[in-house]
């Protein structure tokens, strides 16, 4: 991660919660209590967790698209007079989606790892805090359950990415 989530969280809290007073600095409101307050309470944590991943994904897609657009099949499609938009959207982007989806899976799992720090900054109770408290208390069955949940989540995300890759890129299909 190029820009640490903790630093980004502190900057965003200072700007949007303390200086401008547009959003709450921390805490959580249930959507059942007040939908508007709930949306305002999760904006900053969601932005802090997703901005580094979005930047990494954009860089990955850009690099892969540059490589795809330099390949021979793109040159052939251009000489046949096919619309450049069709070449980009239908052919190059589809082939560039595989590596980008893999990075998306890594980013999703990485967000889970960064959740503890973000939960602490925004005074939220969540997966990271739950795991941290279980480790402090030495609650082995709870730690095992949290670990099992994390492993199942990683497997589910990787399976979903493999299935989507199979639909997008015919070369990777095994069925």
Protein backbone atom coordinates (compact mmCIF):
# COMPACT_ATOMS: atom_id res chain seq x y z
CA UNK A 1 0.00 0.00 0.00
CA UNK A 2 1.53 3.29 -1.08
CA UNK A 3 -0.49 5.53 1.23
CA UNK A 4 -1.08 4.03 4.69
CA UNK A 5 -4.70 3.73 5.76
CA UNK A 6 -4.00 5.17 9.19
CA UNK A 7 -2.58 8.39 7.78
CA UNK A 8 -5.43 8.67 5.27
CA UNK A 9 -7.97 8.11 8.06
CA UNK A 10 -6.46 10.82 10.23
CA UNK A 11 -6.37 13.30 7.34
CA UNK A 12 -9.98 12.58 6.31
CA UNK A 13 -11.24 12.82 9.90
CA UNK A 14 -9.44 16.13 10.32
CA UNK A 15 -10.80 17.57 7.07
CA UNK A 16 -14.35 16.20 6.89
CA UNK A 17 -15.23 15.69 10.57
CA UNK A 18 -13.29 18.32 12.49
CA UNK A 19 -12.77 21.18 10.03
CA UNK A 20 -15.84 20.98 7.76
CA UNK A 21 -18.11 19.07 10.20
CA UNK A 22 -19.82 17.26 7.33
CA UNK A 23 -19.38 13.74 8.71
CA UNK A 24 -19.08 12.21 12.19
CA UNK A 25 -15.52 11.52 13.38
CA UNK A 26 -16.40 8.06 14.64
CA UNK A 27 -19.04 5.77 15.98
CA UNK A 28 -21.74 3.78 14.30
CA UNK A 29 -25.46 4.25 13.86
CA UNK A 30 -27.58 1.25 12.95
CA UNK A 31 -29.49 1.51 9.65
CA UNK A 32 -32.62 0.53 11.56
CA UNK A 33 -32.30 3.60 13.80
CA UNK A 34 -31.64 6.25 11.16
CA UNK A 35 -30.67 5.44 7.56
CA UNK A 36 -29.18 8.89 6.92
CA UNK A 37 -26.99 8.83 10.02
CA UNK A 38 -25.93 5.27 9.20
CA UNK A 39 -24.79 6.35 5.72
CA UNK A 40 -22.89 9.31 7.19
CA UNK A 41 -21.24 7.10 9.82
CA UNK A 42 -19.81 4.62 7.30
CA UNK A 43 -18.65 7.03 4.58
CA UNK A 44 -15.21 7.76 6.06
CA UNK A 45 -14.33 4.14 7.00
CA UNK A 46 -15.42 2.86 3.58
CA UNK A 47 -13.42 5.55 1.79
CA UNK A 48 -10.31 4.83 3.87
CA UNK A 49 -10.55 1.09 3.22
CA UNK A 50 -11.21 1.39 -0.52
CA UNK A 51 -9.07 4.32 -1.75
CA UNK A 52 -5.72 2.47 -1.63
CA UNK A 53 -7.31 -0.52 -3.37
CA UNK A 54 -8.85 1.63 -6.07
CA UNK A 55 -5.50 3.28 -6.74
CA UNK A 56 -3.80 -0.11 -6.97
CA UNK A 57 -6.53 -1.48 -9.25
CA UNK A 58 -6.34 1.55 -11.55
CA UNK A 59 -2.59 1.11 -11.85
CA UNK A 60 -2.99 -2.60 -12.57
CA UNK A 61 -5.69 -2.10 -15.20
CA UNK A 62 -3.73 0.70 -16.85
CA UNK A 63 -0.56 -1.37 -17.10
CA UNK A 64 -2.38 -4.44 -18.38
CA UNK A 65 -4.35 -2.40 -20.93
CA UNK A 66 -1.16 -0.80 -22.24
CA UNK A 67 0.32 -4.28 -22.71
CA UNK A 68 -2.85 -5.59 -24.39
CA UNK A 69 -3.12 -2.64 -26.78
CA UNK A 70 0.44 -3.32 -28.00
CA UNK A 71 -0.32 -6.93 -28.99
CA UNK A 72 -0.59 -8.16 -32.55
CA UNK A 73 -4.27 -9.06 -32.45
CA UNK A 74 -5.15 -5.43 -31.60
CA UNK A 75 -3.06 -4.24 -34.53
CA UNK A 76 -4.89 -6.73 -36.76
CA UNK A 77 -8.28 -5.53 -35.53
CA UNK A 78 -7.29 -1.93 -36.23
CA UNK A 79 -6.19 -2.74 -39.78
CA UNK A 80 -9.56 -4.40 -40.39
CA UNK A 81 -11.23 -1.09 -39.59
CA UNK A 82 -12.95 -2.14 -36.38
CA UNK A 83 -14.11 0.71 -34.18
CA UNK A 84 -11.42 1.56 -31.56
CA UNK A 85 -14.06 1.60 -28.83
CA UNK A 86 -15.08 -1.95 -29.74
CA UNK A 87 -11.45 -3.05 -29.74
CA UNK A 88 -10.90 -1.60 -26.28
CA UNK A 89 -14.16 -2.70 -24.63
CA UNK A 90 -14.78 -6.05 -26.29
CA UNK A 91 -11.29 -7.40 -26.86
CA UNK A 92 -8.51 -5.69 -24.90
CA UNK A 93 -10.40 -4.99 -21.68
CA UNK A 94 -11.74 -8.53 -21.60
CA UNK A 95 -8.21 -9.94 -21.86
CA UNK A 96 -6.89 -7.44 -19.31
CA UNK A 97 -9.61 -8.34 -16.81
CA UNK A 98 -7.90 -11.53 -15.59
CA UNK A 99 -4.94 -9.95 -13.80
CA UNK A 100 -7.13 -7.09 -12.60
CA UNK A 101 -9.62 -9.51 -11.02
CA UNK A 102 -6.78 -11.33 -9.29
CA UNK A 103 -5.54 -8.05 -7.82
CA UNK A 104 -9.12 -7.24 -6.78
CA UNK A 105 -9.20 -10.47 -4.79
CA UNK A 106 -5.94 -9.59 -3.05
CA UNK A 107 -7.23 -6.09 -2.29
CA UNK A 108 -10.43 -7.46 -0.78
CA UNK A 109 -8.50 -9.80 1.51
CA UNK A 110 -6.08 -6.97 2.35
CA UNK A 111 -8.99 -4.77 3.42
CA UNK A 112 -9.94 -7.40 5.95
CA UNK A 113 -6.42 -7.23 7.40
CA UNK A 114 -6.53 -3.44 7.63
CA UNK A 115 -9.92 -3.44 9.32
CA UNK A 116 -8.55 -3.42 12.87
CA UNK A 117 -6.72 -0.12 12.47
CA UNK A 118 -9.64 1.52 10.71
CA UNK A 119 -12.06 0.22 13.34
CA UNK A 120 -9.89 1.73 16.07
CA UNK A 121 -9.62 5.13 14.37
CA UNK A 122 -13.37 5.39 13.78
CA UNK A 123 -14.46 3.75 17.09
CA UNK A 124 -16.25 0.87 15.37
CA UNK A 125 -16.84 -2.67 16.61
CA UNK A 126 -16.16 -5.19 13.87
CA UNK A 127 -14.21 -8.22 12.68
CA UNK A 128 -10.78 -6.77 13.48
CA UNK A 129 -11.72 -5.65 16.98
CA UNK A 130 -13.43 -8.97 17.63
CA UNK A 131 -10.31 -10.90 16.58
CA UNK A 132 -8.00 -8.61 18.55
CA UNK A 133 -10.04 -8.95 21.75
CA UNK A 134 -10.16 -12.73 21.35
CA UNK A 135 -6.36 -12.83 21.01
CA UNK A 136 -5.90 -10.62 24.09
CA UNK A 137 -8.19 -12.86 26.15
CA UNK A 138 -6.56 -16.05 24.86
CA UNK A 139 -9.93 -17.41 23.72
CA UNK A 140 -8.62 -20.27 21.55
CA UNK A 141 -12.02 -21.56 20.26
CA UNK A 142 -12.99 -18.03 19.22
CA UNK A 143 -9.62 -17.46 17.54
CA UNK A 144 -10.05 -20.75 15.67
CA UNK A 145 -13.54 -19.71 14.56
CA UNK A 146 -12.29 -16.32 13.38
CA UNK A 147 -9.44 -18.01 11.51
CA UNK A 148 -11.85 -20.48 9.91
CA UNK A 149 -14.11 -17.61 8.84
CA UNK A 150 -11.13 -15.78 7.32
CA UNK A 151 -9.97 -18.88 5.45
CA UNK A 152 -13.47 -19.58 4.13
CA UNK A 153 -13.76 -15.96 3.01
CA UNK A 154 -10.44 -16.16 1.14
CA UNK A 155 -11.48 -19.42 -0.54
CA UNK A 156 -14.89 -17.98 -1.50
CA UNK A 157 -13.37 -14.82 -2.96
CA UNK A 158 -10.77 -16.80 -4.93
CA UNK A 159 -13.44 -19.19 -6.21
CA UNK A 160 -15.65 -16.29 -7.31
CA UNK A 161 -12.72 -14.68 -9.13
CA UNK A 162 -11.87 -17.95 -10.88
CA UNK A 163 -15.48 -18.38 -12.03
CA UNK A 164 -15.66 -14.81 -13.33
CA UNK A 165 -12.29 -15.27 -15.09
CA UNK A 166 -13.68 -18.41 -16.72
CA UNK A 167 -16.61 -16.48 -18.15
CA UNK A 168 -14.51 -13.51 -19.28
CA UNK A 169 -11.54 -15.34 -20.77
CA UNK A 170 -12.34 -18.54 -22.69
CA UNK A 171 -8.69 -19.67 -22.55
CA UNK A 172 -8.87 -20.29 -18.78
CA UNK A 173 -12.01 -22.41 -18.86
CA UNK A 174 -11.58 -26.00 -17.80
CA UNK A 175 -15.22 -27.02 -18.21
